[in-house]
């Protein structure tokens, strides 16, 4: 293993440790949202929180659908008041 590969591995470990600190005390949905926002892929999120990549993908899809519905309702209310 080269010095560069060793450094990359150590940085990866530090990133994962920081991610675990970020999600500490949060529920699974909040953990998934936060880790996704900072750039983790579903497989990486699943490994960090102890679930399957499919569970993470389904949760992200549901969150996006909920957010879309919420933004549509906001737009409708704004149109009605205009």
N, C-alpha and C. Protein backbone atom coordinates (compact mmCIF):
# COMPACT_ATOMS: atom_id res chain seq x y z
N UNK A 1 0.85 -1.18 0.00
CA UNK A 1 0.00 0.00 0.00
C UNK A 1 0.90 1.25 0.00
N UNK A 2 0.61 2.18 -0.88
CA UNK A 2 1.42 3.39 -0.98
C UNK A 2 1.01 4.39 0.10
N UNK A 3 1.85 5.39 0.29
CA UNK A 3 1.55 6.44 1.27
C UNK A 3 0.25 7.16 0.93
N UNK A 4 0.01 7.38 -0.36
CA UNK A 4 -1.22 8.07 -0.78
C UNK A 4 -2.44 7.22 -0.44
N UNK A 5 -2.36 5.92 -0.69
CA UNK A 5 -3.47 5.02 -0.37
C UNK A 5 -3.73 4.98 1.14
N UNK A 6 -2.68 5.00 1.91
CA UNK A 6 -2.82 5.01 3.37
C UNK A 6 -3.50 6.30 3.82
N UNK A 7 -3.08 7.42 3.26
CA UNK A 7 -3.72 8.71 3.60
C UNK A 7 -5.19 8.72 3.22
N UNK A 8 -5.51 8.23 2.05
CA UNK A 8 -6.90 8.18 1.60
C UNK A 8 -7.74 7.34 2.55
N UNK A 9 -7.19 6.21 2.96
CA UNK A 9 -7.90 5.33 3.89
C UNK A 9 -8.13 6.03 5.24
N UNK A 10 -7.13 6.75 5.71
CA UNK A 10 -7.27 7.45 6.99
C UNK A 10 -8.28 8.60 6.89
N UNK A 11 -8.26 9.32 5.78
CA UNK A 11 -9.24 10.39 5.58
C UNK A 11 -10.66 9.82 5.52
N UNK A 12 -10.79 8.68 4.86
CA UNK A 12 -12.10 8.03 4.78
C UNK A 12 -12.60 7.67 6.17
N UNK A 13 -11.73 7.17 7.01
CA UNK A 13 -12.09 6.84 8.39
C UNK A 13 -12.51 8.09 9.16
N UNK A 14 -11.76 9.17 9.00
CA UNK A 14 -12.10 10.43 9.68
C UNK A 14 -13.46 10.95 9.23
N UNK A 15 -13.72 10.86 7.95
CA UNK A 15 -15.01 11.33 7.41
C UNK A 15 -16.15 10.51 8.03
N UNK A 16 -15.97 9.21 8.10
CA UNK A 16 -17.01 8.35 8.67
C UNK A 16 -17.22 8.65 10.16
N UNK A 17 -16.15 8.89 10.88
CA UNK A 17 -16.28 9.24 12.30
C UNK A 17 -17.03 10.56 12.48
N UNK A 18 -16.71 11.54 11.66
CA UNK A 18 -17.44 12.82 11.71
C UNK A 18 -18.91 12.64 11.38
N UNK A 19 -19.19 11.78 10.42
CA UNK A 19 -20.59 11.51 10.05
C UNK A 19 -21.34 10.89 11.22
N UNK A 20 -20.70 9.97 11.92
CA UNK A 20 -21.35 9.33 13.08
C UNK A 20 -21.63 10.34 14.18
N UNK A 21 -20.73 11.29 14.36
CA UNK A 21 -20.95 12.35 15.34
C UNK A 21 -22.13 13.22 14.92
N UNK A 22 -22.21 13.52 13.62
CA UNK A 22 -23.29 14.34 13.08
C UNK A 22 -24.67 13.74 13.34
N UNK A 23 -24.78 12.41 13.23
CA UNK A 23 -26.10 11.77 13.32
C UNK A 23 -26.43 11.25 14.72
N UNK A 24 -25.53 11.40 15.63
CA UNK A 24 -25.75 10.89 16.99
C UNK A 24 -27.02 11.47 17.60
N UNK A 25 -27.86 10.59 18.14
CA UNK A 25 -29.09 11.02 18.81
C UNK A 25 -30.25 11.33 17.88
N UNK A 26 -30.07 11.14 16.60
CA UNK A 26 -31.14 11.41 15.62
C UNK A 26 -31.86 10.11 15.29
N UNK A 27 -33.12 10.22 14.84
CA UNK A 27 -33.81 9.02 14.40
C UNK A 27 -33.31 8.63 13.01
N UNK A 28 -33.71 7.44 12.56
CA UNK A 28 -33.18 6.91 11.31
C UNK A 28 -33.45 7.82 10.10
N UNK A 29 -34.64 8.37 10.03
CA UNK A 29 -34.98 9.25 8.91
C UNK A 29 -34.08 10.49 8.90
N UNK A 30 -33.88 11.09 10.06
CA UNK A 30 -33.01 12.26 10.16
C UNK A 30 -31.57 11.91 9.81
N UNK A 31 -31.12 10.73 10.24
CA UNK A 31 -29.77 10.28 9.92
C UNK A 31 -29.59 10.16 8.42
N UNK A 32 -30.57 9.55 7.77
CA UNK A 32 -30.49 9.34 6.32
C UNK A 32 -30.46 10.68 5.60
N UNK A 33 -31.32 11.61 6.00
CA UNK A 33 -31.36 12.93 5.36
C UNK A 33 -30.02 13.65 5.52
N UNK A 34 -29.50 13.69 6.73
CA UNK A 34 -28.25 14.40 6.99
C UNK A 34 -27.08 13.79 6.21
N UNK A 35 -26.98 12.47 6.24
CA UNK A 35 -25.87 11.82 5.54
C UNK A 35 -25.99 11.99 4.03
N UNK A 36 -27.20 11.97 3.54
CA UNK A 36 -27.41 12.20 2.10
C UNK A 36 -27.02 13.62 1.72
N UNK A 37 -27.40 14.58 2.55
CA UNK A 37 -27.07 15.99 2.27
C UNK A 37 -25.57 16.25 2.23
N UNK A 38 -24.80 15.51 3.02
CA UNK A 38 -23.36 15.72 3.01
C UNK A 38 -22.64 14.85 1.98
N UNK A 39 -23.41 14.13 1.17
CA UNK A 39 -22.83 13.45 0.01
C UNK A 39 -22.61 11.96 0.10
N UNK A 40 -23.09 11.32 1.14
CA UNK A 40 -22.95 9.87 1.22
C UNK A 40 -23.95 9.18 0.30
N UNK A 41 -23.52 8.10 -0.33
CA UNK A 41 -24.37 7.28 -1.19
C UNK A 41 -25.21 6.35 -0.30
N UNK A 42 -26.34 5.86 -0.82
CA UNK A 42 -27.18 4.96 -0.01
C UNK A 42 -26.42 3.77 0.59
N UNK A 43 -25.50 3.19 -0.15
CA UNK A 43 -24.74 2.05 0.38
C UNK A 43 -23.88 2.48 1.57
N UNK A 44 -23.25 3.65 1.46
CA UNK A 44 -22.43 4.16 2.56
C UNK A 44 -23.28 4.50 3.78
N UNK A 45 -24.44 5.10 3.54
CA UNK A 45 -25.36 5.44 4.63
C UNK A 45 -25.80 4.17 5.35
N UNK A 46 -26.16 3.16 4.56
CA UNK A 46 -26.61 1.89 5.13
C UNK A 46 -25.53 1.28 6.01
N UNK A 47 -24.29 1.32 5.55
CA UNK A 47 -23.18 0.77 6.36
C UNK A 47 -22.99 1.54 7.65
N UNK A 48 -23.16 2.85 7.60
CA UNK A 48 -22.96 3.68 8.80
C UNK A 48 -24.06 3.49 9.84
N UNK A 49 -25.31 3.34 9.38
CA UNK A 49 -26.42 3.27 10.34
C UNK A 49 -26.92 1.85 10.60
N UNK A 50 -26.34 0.88 9.90
CA UNK A 50 -26.70 -0.51 10.17
C UNK A 50 -28.01 -0.95 9.56
N UNK A 51 -28.24 -0.59 8.32
CA UNK A 51 -29.45 -1.03 7.61
C UNK A 51 -29.04 -1.42 6.19
N UNK A 52 -30.02 -1.66 5.34
CA UNK A 52 -29.71 -2.06 3.96
C UNK A 52 -29.75 -0.84 3.03
N UNK A 53 -28.99 -0.90 1.93
CA UNK A 53 -29.04 0.19 0.95
C UNK A 53 -30.45 0.41 0.41
N UNK A 54 -31.22 -0.67 0.27
CA UNK A 54 -32.58 -0.54 -0.24
C UNK A 54 -33.46 0.25 0.74
N UNK A 55 -33.30 0.01 2.02
CA UNK A 55 -34.05 0.76 3.02
C UNK A 55 -33.74 2.24 2.92
N UNK A 56 -32.47 2.56 2.71
CA UNK A 56 -32.06 3.96 2.58
C UNK A 56 -32.67 4.57 1.32
N UNK A 57 -32.60 3.85 0.19
CA UNK A 57 -33.18 4.38 -1.06
C UNK A 57 -34.68 4.62 -0.94
N UNK A 58 -35.38 3.69 -0.32
CA UNK A 58 -36.83 3.85 -0.13
C UNK A 58 -37.12 5.05 0.76
N UNK A 59 -36.37 5.20 1.83
CA UNK A 59 -36.56 6.35 2.73
C UNK A 59 -36.32 7.65 1.99
N UNK A 60 -35.25 7.72 1.19
CA UNK A 60 -34.96 8.95 0.44
C UNK A 60 -36.05 9.26 -0.57
N UNK A 61 -36.57 8.22 -1.23
CA UNK A 61 -37.66 8.42 -2.18
C UNK A 61 -38.90 8.96 -1.47
N UNK A 62 -39.24 8.38 -0.33
CA UNK A 62 -40.40 8.85 0.43
C UNK A 62 -40.22 10.27 0.92
N UNK A 63 -39.03 10.61 1.35
CA UNK A 63 -38.74 11.97 1.82
C UNK A 63 -38.91 12.96 0.67
N UNK A 64 -38.38 12.61 -0.51
CA UNK A 64 -38.51 13.49 -1.68
C UNK A 64 -39.97 13.68 -2.07
N UNK A 65 -40.75 12.60 -2.04
CA UNK A 65 -42.18 12.70 -2.37
C UNK A 65 -42.90 13.61 -1.38
N UNK A 66 -42.59 13.44 -0.10
CA UNK A 66 -43.20 14.27 0.93
C UNK A 66 -42.84 15.73 0.72
N UNK A 67 -41.58 16.00 0.41
CA UNK A 67 -41.13 17.37 0.17
C UNK A 67 -41.81 17.98 -1.04
N UNK A 68 -42.01 17.18 -2.10
CA UNK A 68 -42.70 17.68 -3.30
C UNK A 68 -44.14 18.05 -2.97
N UNK A 69 -44.82 17.18 -2.23
CA UNK A 69 -46.21 17.46 -1.86
C UNK A 69 -46.29 18.72 -1.02
N UNK A 70 -45.36 18.87 -0.09
CA UNK A 70 -45.34 20.06 0.77
C UNK A 70 -45.11 21.32 -0.03
N UNK A 71 -44.24 21.27 -1.03
CA UNK A 71 -43.97 22.47 -1.82
C UNK A 71 -45.15 22.79 -2.73
N UNK A 72 -45.87 21.78 -3.21
CA UNK A 72 -47.07 22.02 -4.03
C UNK A 72 -48.15 22.70 -3.19
N UNK A 73 -48.33 22.24 -1.96
CA UNK A 73 -49.34 22.84 -1.09
C UNK A 73 -49.00 24.30 -0.80
N UNK A 74 -47.72 24.58 -0.59
CA UNK A 74 -47.28 25.96 -0.34
C UNK A 74 -47.56 26.83 -1.56
N UNK A 75 -47.27 26.31 -2.74
CA UNK A 75 -47.51 27.07 -3.96
C UNK A 75 -49.00 27.33 -4.16
N UNK A 76 -49.85 26.34 -3.84
CA UNK A 76 -51.29 26.50 -3.96
C UNK A 76 -51.79 27.57 -3.00
N UNK A 77 -51.30 27.56 -1.77
CA UNK A 77 -51.73 28.56 -0.79
C UNK A 77 -51.30 29.95 -1.23
N UNK A 78 -50.11 30.07 -1.80
CA UNK A 78 -49.65 31.37 -2.27
C UNK A 78 -50.49 31.86 -3.44
N UNK A 79 -50.91 30.96 -4.33
CA UNK A 79 -51.75 31.37 -5.45
C UNK A 79 -53.13 31.83 -4.99
N UNK A 80 -53.65 31.13 -3.98
CA UNK A 80 -54.97 31.47 -3.48
C UNK A 80 -54.98 32.84 -2.79
N UNK A 81 -53.89 33.19 -2.14
CA UNK A 81 -53.85 34.46 -1.42
C UNK A 81 -53.48 35.64 -2.33
N UNK A 82 -53.02 35.34 -3.53
CA UNK A 82 -52.63 36.42 -4.47
C UNK A 82 -53.82 36.99 -5.19
